[in-house]
Amino acid sequence: MFHETPFTIVALLVHPSDGTLLSVSRKTDHDDLGLPGGKIEPGETPEQALVREVFEETGVRILAFEPCFQRPCGPLGPSRCYRVLAWEGIPFAKENAWVGWVTPERLLEDRNSFKDYNRALFDYLGPALLPATIQTPVQGTFRPLIEAHAREALVKLWQRPNGA
């Protein structure tokens, strides 16, 4: 599926009850939000970096994931995104950053450094951003997403013309 080895990795964690996304801020600007992720260390696989970076930034342990998107990300080179299918733990702020659940639209605001990457990711995934089922962090069992309004809001977001 992906041919170039990524330089950075990104995690896409969708909250099972409302479709919000786990987000982290820059350490120096708590209003500049993005998805958790970071650089791959020497000798580390992209998957190992994914698990390490998400835990370092949010305290969440990733249990299952799948690659879902890759594209250049500025001067850093290719960045690969993984959709997280199962995790455990309650996210909390680490590394002097803000951590929390936000709507996809919040990650597209002009004040976010990675808004262009996020737009490309959301456009690529479309309504598949919200899978029909994911493993919940609490019960550890598969269940459908129960908040239909979250899915409808995302569909409306993707139906807007670019830049609108």
N, C-alpha and C. Protein backbone atom coordinates (compact mmCIF):
# COMPACT_ATOMS: atom_id res chain seq x y z
N MET A 1 0.82 -1.20 0.00
CA MET A 1 0.00 0.00 0.00
C MET A 1 0.87 1.26 0.00
N PHE A 2 1.87 1.34 0.90
CA PHE A 2 2.73 2.51 0.98
C PHE A 2 4.13 2.08 0.60
N HIS A 3 4.80 2.89 -0.24
CA HIS A 3 6.10 2.49 -0.75
C HIS A 3 7.26 3.20 -0.06
N GLU A 4 7.07 4.46 0.30
CA GLU A 4 8.14 5.21 0.95
C GLU A 4 8.07 5.01 2.45
N THR A 5 9.24 4.87 3.07
CA THR A 5 9.27 4.80 4.53
C THR A 5 8.98 6.18 5.09
N PRO A 6 8.00 6.30 5.99
CA PRO A 6 7.65 7.63 6.51
C PRO A 6 8.73 8.15 7.44
N PHE A 7 8.79 9.47 7.54
CA PHE A 7 9.68 10.12 8.48
C PHE A 7 8.95 10.41 9.78
N THR A 8 7.64 10.64 9.68
CA THR A 8 6.82 10.89 10.85
C THR A 8 5.58 10.01 10.80
N ILE A 9 4.97 9.84 11.95
CA ILE A 9 3.74 9.06 12.05
C ILE A 9 2.68 9.89 12.77
N VAL A 10 1.42 9.58 12.48
CA VAL A 10 0.29 10.29 13.05
C VAL A 10 -0.73 9.24 13.47
N ALA A 11 -1.39 9.48 14.60
CA ALA A 11 -2.42 8.56 15.08
C ALA A 11 -3.79 9.20 14.98
N LEU A 12 -4.76 8.44 14.49
CA LEU A 12 -6.14 8.88 14.39
C LEU A 12 -6.96 8.03 15.35
N LEU A 13 -7.32 8.62 16.51
CA LEU A 13 -8.16 7.95 17.50
C LEU A 13 -9.52 8.62 17.50
N VAL A 14 -10.55 7.87 17.18
CA VAL A 14 -11.92 8.38 17.12
C VAL A 14 -12.65 7.92 18.38
N HIS A 15 -13.25 8.87 19.10
CA HIS A 15 -13.99 8.52 20.31
C HIS A 15 -15.23 7.73 19.92
N PRO A 16 -15.49 6.59 20.58
CA PRO A 16 -16.58 5.72 20.17
C PRO A 16 -17.98 6.28 20.42
N SER A 17 -18.13 7.25 21.29
CA SER A 17 -19.49 7.72 21.60
C SER A 17 -19.91 8.94 20.79
N ASP A 18 -18.95 9.76 20.33
CA ASP A 18 -19.38 11.00 19.67
C ASP A 18 -18.58 11.37 18.43
N GLY A 19 -17.61 10.56 18.03
CA GLY A 19 -16.87 10.83 16.81
C GLY A 19 -15.82 11.92 16.92
N THR A 20 -15.55 12.41 18.12
CA THR A 20 -14.48 13.40 18.26
C THR A 20 -13.13 12.69 18.12
N LEU A 21 -12.08 13.48 17.90
CA LEU A 21 -10.74 12.95 17.67
C LEU A 21 -9.81 13.34 18.80
N LEU A 22 -8.94 12.42 19.17
CA LEU A 22 -7.94 12.74 20.19
C LEU A 22 -6.93 13.70 19.59
N SER A 23 -6.69 14.78 20.30
CA SER A 23 -5.83 15.84 19.79
C SER A 23 -4.83 16.25 20.86
N VAL A 24 -3.68 16.75 20.39
CA VAL A 24 -2.66 17.30 21.29
C VAL A 24 -2.27 18.67 20.76
N SER A 25 -1.83 19.52 21.66
CA SER A 25 -1.37 20.84 21.25
C SER A 25 0.15 20.84 21.15
N ARG A 26 0.65 21.88 20.53
CA ARG A 26 2.09 22.13 20.59
C ARG A 26 2.42 22.52 22.03
N LYS A 27 3.62 22.21 22.46
CA LYS A 27 4.03 22.53 23.83
C LYS A 27 4.03 24.02 24.08
N THR A 28 4.35 24.79 23.05
CA THR A 28 4.49 26.24 23.19
C THR A 28 3.23 27.01 22.84
N ASP A 29 2.21 26.33 22.32
CA ASP A 29 0.97 27.02 21.92
C ASP A 29 -0.20 26.05 22.06
N HIS A 30 -0.94 26.18 23.14
CA HIS A 30 -2.04 25.24 23.42
C HIS A 30 -3.25 25.44 22.52
N ASP A 31 -3.25 26.47 21.68
CA ASP A 31 -4.32 26.66 20.70
C ASP A 31 -3.99 26.02 19.35
N ASP A 32 -2.76 25.60 19.14
CA ASP A 32 -2.31 24.98 17.89
C ASP A 32 -2.44 23.46 18.06
N LEU A 33 -3.55 22.90 17.56
CA LEU A 33 -3.86 21.49 17.80
C LEU A 33 -3.56 20.63 16.58
N GLY A 34 -3.28 19.37 16.85
CA GLY A 34 -3.06 18.39 15.80
C GLY A 34 -3.33 17.00 16.35
N LEU A 35 -3.11 16.01 15.53
CA LEU A 35 -3.25 14.62 15.95
C LEU A 35 -1.95 14.19 16.63
N PRO A 36 -2.03 13.24 17.56
CA PRO A 36 -0.80 12.76 18.20
C PRO A 36 0.13 12.12 17.17
N GLY A 37 1.42 12.21 17.42
CA GLY A 37 2.39 11.59 16.53
C GLY A 37 3.74 12.24 16.67
N GLY A 38 4.65 11.84 15.81
CA GLY A 38 5.98 12.42 15.87
C GLY A 38 6.97 11.69 14.99
N LYS A 39 8.23 11.93 15.24
CA LYS A 39 9.31 11.39 14.42
C LYS A 39 9.62 9.94 14.80
N ILE A 40 10.07 9.22 13.80
CA ILE A 40 10.52 7.85 14.00
C ILE A 40 11.98 7.91 14.42
N GLU A 41 12.30 7.26 15.53
CA GLU A 41 13.68 7.24 16.05
C GLU A 41 14.52 6.23 15.26
N PRO A 42 15.83 6.44 15.23
CA PRO A 42 16.70 5.47 14.54
C PRO A 42 16.51 4.06 15.09
N GLY A 43 16.39 3.09 14.21
CA GLY A 43 16.22 1.69 14.60
C GLY A 43 14.79 1.31 14.95
N GLU A 44 13.87 2.24 14.85
CA GLU A 44 12.48 2.02 15.22
C GLU A 44 11.63 1.84 13.96
N THR A 45 10.66 0.94 14.01
CA THR A 45 9.72 0.82 12.90
C THR A 45 8.66 1.91 13.04
N PRO A 46 7.96 2.23 11.96
CA PRO A 46 6.87 3.21 12.08
C PRO A 46 5.83 2.79 13.12
N GLU A 47 5.54 1.51 13.19
CA GLU A 47 4.54 1.03 14.14
C GLU A 47 5.02 1.18 15.58
N GLN A 48 6.29 0.92 15.83
CA GLN A 48 6.85 1.12 17.17
C GLN A 48 6.80 2.60 17.55
N ALA A 49 7.12 3.45 16.58
CA ALA A 49 7.07 4.90 16.83
C ALA A 49 5.65 5.34 17.14
N LEU A 50 4.67 4.80 16.44
CA LEU A 50 3.27 5.12 16.69
C LEU A 50 2.90 4.84 18.14
N VAL A 51 3.18 3.65 18.58
CA VAL A 51 2.83 3.25 19.95
C VAL A 51 3.56 4.12 20.96
N ARG A 52 4.86 4.34 20.74
CA ARG A 52 5.66 5.15 21.67
C ARG A 52 5.17 6.59 21.71
N GLU A 53 5.02 7.22 20.55
CA GLU A 53 4.64 8.63 20.50
C GLU A 53 3.27 8.87 21.14
N VAL A 54 2.29 8.04 20.83
CA VAL A 54 0.96 8.24 21.41
C VAL A 54 1.00 8.09 22.92
N PHE A 55 1.74 7.11 23.42
CA PHE A 55 1.84 6.95 24.87
C PHE A 55 2.56 8.14 25.50
N GLU A 56 3.67 8.57 24.88
CA GLU A 56 4.42 9.70 25.43
C GLU A 56 3.58 10.97 25.48
N GLU A 57 2.77 11.19 24.45
CA GLU A 57 2.01 12.44 24.37
C GLU A 57 0.68 12.41 25.12
N THR A 58 0.06 11.22 25.22
CA THR A 58 -1.31 11.18 25.76
C THR A 58 -1.53 10.19 26.90
N GLY A 59 -0.59 9.30 27.15
CA GLY A 59 -0.79 8.28 28.17
C GLY A 59 -1.65 7.11 27.71
N VAL A 60 -2.09 7.11 26.47
CA VAL A 60 -2.93 6.05 25.93
C VAL A 60 -2.06 4.96 25.32
N ARG A 61 -2.41 3.71 25.62
CA ARG A 61 -1.69 2.56 25.04
C ARG A 61 -2.48 2.02 23.86
N ILE A 62 -1.84 1.99 22.71
CA ILE A 62 -2.48 1.49 21.49
C ILE A 62 -2.40 -0.03 21.48
N LEU A 63 -3.54 -0.68 21.20
CA LEU A 63 -3.61 -2.13 21.16
C LEU A 63 -3.76 -2.68 19.74
N ALA A 64 -4.43 -1.93 18.86
CA ALA A 64 -4.63 -2.37 17.47
C ALA A 64 -4.74 -1.14 16.58
N PHE A 65 -4.22 -1.26 15.35
CA PHE A 65 -4.23 -0.12 14.43
C PHE A 65 -4.09 -0.63 13.01
N GLU A 66 -4.34 0.27 12.05
CA GLU A 66 -4.14 -0.04 10.64
C GLU A 66 -3.69 1.23 9.93
N PRO A 67 -2.77 1.11 8.95
CA PRO A 67 -2.39 2.30 8.20
C PRO A 67 -3.58 2.75 7.35
N CYS A 68 -3.76 4.07 7.26
CA CYS A 68 -4.92 4.55 6.50
C CYS A 68 -4.60 5.69 5.54
N PHE A 69 -3.41 6.30 5.64
CA PHE A 69 -3.15 7.48 4.81
C PHE A 69 -1.66 7.80 4.87
N GLN A 70 -1.12 8.27 3.74
CA GLN A 70 0.26 8.76 3.74
C GLN A 70 0.39 9.85 2.69
N ARG A 71 1.12 10.88 3.05
CA ARG A 71 1.40 11.96 2.09
C ARG A 71 2.56 12.79 2.61
N PRO A 72 3.17 13.60 1.75
CA PRO A 72 4.23 14.49 2.22
C PRO A 72 3.68 15.47 3.25
N CYS A 73 4.53 15.82 4.18
CA CYS A 73 4.12 16.75 5.24
C CYS A 73 5.19 17.82 5.37
N GLY A 74 5.26 18.69 4.39
CA GLY A 74 6.23 19.77 4.43
C GLY A 74 7.65 19.25 4.34
N PRO A 75 8.59 19.94 4.98
CA PRO A 75 10.00 19.58 4.88
C PRO A 75 10.34 18.28 5.60
N LEU A 76 9.41 17.74 6.37
CA LEU A 76 9.68 16.50 7.11
C LEU A 76 9.63 15.26 6.23
N GLY A 77 9.10 15.38 5.01
CA GLY A 77 8.99 14.22 4.15
C GLY A 77 7.68 13.50 4.39
N PRO A 78 7.60 12.21 4.00
CA PRO A 78 6.33 11.50 4.12
C PRO A 78 5.90 11.30 5.56
N SER A 79 4.60 11.45 5.77
CA SER A 79 4.00 11.22 7.08
C SER A 79 2.88 10.20 6.90
N ARG A 80 2.89 9.16 7.70
CA ARG A 80 1.89 8.10 7.61
C ARG A 80 0.93 8.20 8.79
N CYS A 81 -0.35 8.06 8.48
CA CYS A 81 -1.38 8.07 9.51
C CYS A 81 -1.90 6.66 9.72
N TYR A 82 -2.09 6.31 10.98
CA TYR A 82 -2.66 5.03 11.36
C TYR A 82 -3.98 5.28 12.09
N ARG A 83 -5.02 4.56 11.66
CA ARG A 83 -6.30 4.60 12.39
C ARG A 83 -6.16 3.63 13.56
N VAL A 84 -6.39 4.12 14.76
CA VAL A 84 -6.30 3.29 15.95
C VAL A 84 -7.64 2.60 16.15
N LEU A 85 -7.62 1.27 16.21
CA LEU A 85 -8.83 0.48 16.31
C LEU A 85 -9.15 0.06 17.75
N ALA A 86 -8.12 -0.01 18.59
CA ALA A 86 -8.33 -0.38 20.00
C ALA A 86 -7.24 0.26 20.84
N TRP A 87 -7.61 0.74 22.00
CA TRP A 87 -6.65 1.35 22.91
C TRP A 87 -7.16 1.19 24.34
N GLU A 88 -6.27 1.50 25.28
CA GLU A 88 -6.66 1.49 26.68
C GLU A 88 -6.05 2.70 27.36
N GLY A 89 -6.72 3.14 28.41
CA GLY A 89 -6.26 4.30 29.15
C GLY A 89 -7.11 5.53 28.89
N ILE A 90 -6.97 6.48 29.78
CA ILE A 90 -7.68 7.75 29.67
C ILE A 90 -6.64 8.80 29.30
N PRO A 91 -6.86 9.50 28.20
CA PRO A 91 -5.87 10.50 27.77
C PRO A 91 -5.67 11.59 28.82
N PHE A 92 -4.43 11.99 28.98
CA PHE A 92 -4.12 13.10 29.86
C PHE A 92 -2.91 13.85 29.32
N ALA A 93 -2.77 15.08 29.76
CA ALA A 93 -1.71 15.96 29.26
C ALA A 93 -0.35 15.48 29.76
N LYS A 94 0.57 15.35 28.82
CA LYS A 94 1.96 15.02 29.12
C LYS A 94 2.82 15.98 28.31
N GLU A 95 4.07 16.04 28.61
CA GLU A 95 5.03 16.83 27.84
C GLU A 95 4.61 18.30 27.71
N ASN A 96 3.96 18.88 28.71
CA ASN A 96 3.56 20.29 28.73
C ASN A 96 2.63 20.69 27.59
N ALA A 97 1.85 19.76 27.09
CA ALA A 97 0.90 20.04 26.01
C ALA A 97 -0.51 19.84 26.53
N TRP A 98 -1.49 20.37 25.79
CA TRP A 98 -2.90 20.12 26.08
C TRP A 98 -3.30 18.86 25.33
N VAL A 99 -4.13 18.02 25.94
CA VAL A 99 -4.64 16.80 25.31
C VAL A 99 -6.13 16.75 25.54
N GLY A 100 -6.89 16.42 24.49
CA GLY A 100 -8.33 16.29 24.65
C GLY A 100 -9.00 15.86 23.36
N TRP A 101 -10.31 15.68 23.44
CA TRP A 101 -11.12 15.25 22.30
C TRP A 101 -11.72 16.49 21.64
N VAL A 102 -11.58 16.60 20.32
CA VAL A 102 -12.10 17.74 19.58
C VAL A 102 -12.81 17.26 18.32
N THR A 103 -13.62 18.13 17.75
CA THR A 103 -14.28 17.81 16.48
C THR A 103 -13.26 17.87 15.35
N PRO A 104 -13.50 17.15 14.27
CA PRO A 104 -12.59 17.27 13.13
C PRO A 104 -12.48 18.72 12.63
N GLU A 105 -13.57 19.47 12.67
CA GLU A 105 -13.53 20.85 12.21
C GLU A 105 -12.52 21.68 13.01
N ARG A 106 -12.37 21.41 14.29
CA ARG A 106 -11.41 22.16 15.12
C ARG A 106 -9.98 21.97 14.60
N LEU A 107 -9.69 20.80 14.02
CA LEU A 107 -8.34 20.53 13.51
C LEU A 107 -8.09 21.16 12.14
N LEU A 108 -9.13 21.78 11.57
CA LEU A 108 -8.98 22.44 10.27
C LEU A 108 -8.87 23.95 10.39
N GLU A 109 -8.89 24.47 11.60
CA GLU A 109 -8.82 25.92 11.80
C GLU A 109 -7.46 26.47 11.40
N ASP A 110 -7.45 27.72 10.95
CA ASP A 110 -6.24 28.36 10.46
C ASP A 110 -5.10 28.36 11.48
N ARG A 111 -5.40 28.40 12.74
CA ARG A 111 -4.35 28.49 13.77
C ARG A 111 -3.57 27.18 13.96
N ASN A 112 -3.98 26.11 13.29
CA ASN A 112 -3.32 24.81 13.45
C ASN A 112 -2.24 24.60 12.38
N SER A 113 -1.05 24.25 12.82
CA SER A 113 0.09 24.08 11.91
C SER A 113 -0.15 22.98 10.88
N PHE A 114 -0.89 21.94 11.23
CA PHE A 114 -1.07 20.79 10.34
C PHE A 114 -2.47 20.74 9.73
N LYS A 115 -3.12 21.89 9.60
CA LYS A 115 -4.48 21.92 9.05
C LYS A 115 -4.55 21.37 7.64
N ASP A 116 -3.53 21.63 6.82
CA ASP A 116 -3.53 21.13 5.44
C ASP A 116 -3.42 19.61 5.40
N TYR A 117 -2.58 19.06 6.26
CA TYR A 117 -2.46 17.60 6.35
C TYR A 117 -3.79 17.02 6.82
N ASN A 118 -4.38 17.63 7.85
CA ASN A 118 -5.65 17.13 8.38
C ASN A 118 -6.75 17.19 7.33
N ARG A 119 -6.81 18.28 6.56
CA ARG A 119 -7.82 18.40 5.50
C ARG A 119 -7.64 17.27 4.49
N ALA A 120 -6.40 17.03 4.07
CA ALA A 120 -6.14 15.96 3.10
C ALA A 120 -6.53 14.59 3.68
N LEU A 121 -6.21 14.36 4.94
CA LEU A 121 -6.58 13.11 5.60
C LEU A 121 -8.09 12.94 5.65
N PHE A 122 -8.81 13.97 6.09
CA PHE A 122 -10.27 13.88 6.22
C PHE A 122 -10.92 13.74 4.84
N ASP A 123 -10.40 14.46 3.84
CA ASP A 123 -10.95 14.34 2.49
C ASP A 123 -10.73 12.93 1.94
N TYR A 124 -9.55 12.37 2.20
CA TYR A 124 -9.23 11.03 1.71
C TYR A 124 -10.13 9.98 2.35
N LEU A 125 -10.31 10.07 3.66
CA LEU A 125 -11.11 9.07 4.37
C LEU A 125 -12.60 9.28 4.19
N GLY A 126 -13.01 10.54 4.01
CA GLY A 126 -14.44 10.83 3.86
C GLY A 126 -15.22 10.27 5.05
N PRO A 127 -16.42 9.78 4.80
CA PRO A 127 -17.22 9.23 5.90
C PRO A 127 -16.57 8.02 6.58
N ALA A 128 -15.58 7.41 5.95
CA ALA A 128 -14.89 6.28 6.58
C ALA A 128 -14.05 6.71 7.77
N LEU A 129 -13.92 8.03 7.97
CA LEU A 129 -13.22 8.51 9.17
C LEU A 129 -13.85 7.90 10.41
N LEU A 130 -15.17 7.78 10.39
CA LEU A 130 -15.89 7.15 11.51
C LEU A 130 -16.25 5.73 11.12
N PRO A 131 -15.47 4.75 11.56
CA PRO A 131 -15.79 3.37 11.20
C PRO A 131 -17.10 2.94 11.86
N ALA A 132 -17.73 1.93 11.29
CA ALA A 132 -19.01 1.45 11.84
C ALA A 132 -18.83 0.91 13.25
N THR A 133 -17.73 0.26 13.52
CA THR A 133 -17.46 -0.24 14.86
C THR A 133 -15.99 -0.04 15.18
N ILE A 134 -15.71 0.25 16.42
CA ILE A 134 -14.34 0.29 16.91
C ILE A 134 -14.34 -0.33 18.30
N GLN A 135 -13.17 -0.68 18.77
CA GLN A 135 -13.08 -1.27 20.10
C GLN A 135 -13.03 -0.15 21.12
N THR A 136 -13.94 -0.16 22.06
CA THR A 136 -14.01 0.92 23.03
C THR A 136 -12.90 0.78 24.06
N PRO A 137 -12.40 1.89 24.58
CA PRO A 137 -11.33 1.82 25.56
C PRO A 137 -11.81 1.33 26.92
N VAL A 138 -13.11 1.40 27.18
CA VAL A 138 -13.62 1.03 28.50
C VAL A 138 -14.01 -0.44 28.56
N GLN A 139 -14.95 -0.85 27.71
CA GLN A 139 -15.44 -2.21 27.77
C GLN A 139 -14.51 -3.21 27.07
N GLY A 140 -13.75 -2.75 26.09
CA GLY A 140 -12.87 -3.66 25.37
C GLY A 140 -13.63 -4.58 24.43
N THR A 141 -14.83 -4.22 24.05
CA THR A 141 -15.61 -5.03 23.11
C THR A 141 -16.03 -4.17 21.94
N PHE A 142 -16.36 -4.80 20.83
CA PHE A 142 -16.80 -4.04 19.67
C PHE A 142 -18.25 -3.62 19.86
N ARG A 143 -18.53 -2.38 19.48
CA ARG A 143 -19.90 -1.89 19.53
C ARG A 143 -20.05 -0.80 18.49
N PRO A 144 -21.27 -0.60 17.97
CA PRO A 144 -21.45 0.45 16.96
C PRO A 144 -21.29 1.83 17.57
N LEU A 145 -20.87 2.78 16.76
CA LEU A 145 -20.89 4.17 17.20
C LEU A 145 -22.35 4.57 17.35
N ILE A 146 -22.70 5.16 18.46
CA ILE A 146 -24.10 5.39 18.74
C ILE A 146 -24.56 6.81 18.46
N GLU A 147 -23.67 7.71 18.18
CA GLU A 147 -24.06 9.09 17.96
C GLU A 147 -24.12 9.40 16.46
N ALA A 148 -25.29 9.20 15.87
CA ALA A 148 -25.46 9.41 14.43
C ALA A 148 -25.20 10.87 14.04
N HIS A 149 -25.47 11.81 14.94
CA HIS A 149 -25.27 13.22 14.59
C HIS A 149 -23.80 13.51 14.31
N ALA A 150 -22.88 12.80 14.93
CA ALA A 150 -21.45 13.02 14.68
C ALA A 150 -21.12 12.62 13.25
N ARG A 151 -21.64 11.49 12.80
CA ARG A 151 -21.40 11.04 11.43
C ARG A 151 -22.01 12.04 10.44
N GLU A 152 -23.22 12.51 10.72
CA GLU A 152 -23.88 13.46 9.83
C GLU A 152 -23.08 14.76 9.74
N ALA A 153 -22.54 15.23 10.86
CA ALA A 153 -21.75 16.45 10.85
C ALA A 153 -20.50 16.29 9.98
N LEU A 154 -19.86 15.12 10.05
CA LEU A 154 -18.68 14.88 9.24
C LEU A 154 -19.02 14.80 7.76
N VAL A 155 -20.12 14.16 7.43
CA VAL A 155 -20.53 14.09 6.03
C VAL A 155 -20.75 15.49 5.48
N LYS A 156 -21.38 16.37 6.26
CA LYS A 156 -21.59 17.75 5.83
C LYS A 156 -20.25 18.45 5.63
N LEU A 157 -19.29 18.18 6.50
CA LEU A 157 -17.97 18.79 6.39
C LEU A 157 -17.32 18.40 5.06
N TRP A 158 -17.42 17.13 4.67
CA TRP A 158 -16.78 16.67 3.44
C TRP A 158 -17.54 17.13 2.20
N GLN A 159 -18.80 17.48 2.35
CA GLN A 159 -19.57 17.91 1.19
C GLN A 159 -19.33 19.38 0.86
N ARG A 160 -18.67 20.11 1.76
CA ARG A 160 -18.36 21.51 1.47
C ARG A 160 -17.26 21.60 0.44
N PRO A 161 -17.30 22.63 -0.41
CA PRO A 161 -16.19 22.83 -1.37
C PRO A 161 -14.90 23.11 -0.60
N ASN A 162 -13.76 22.72 -1.16
CA ASN A 162 -12.46 22.99 -0.51
C ASN A 162 -12.32 24.48 -0.22
N GLY A 163 -11.82 24.75 0.96
CA GLY A 163 -11.59 26.13 1.37
C GLY A 163 -12.82 26.83 1.91
N ALA A 164 -13.96 26.14 1.92
CA ALA A 164 -15.18 26.80 2.41
C ALA A 164 -15.25 26.76 3.91
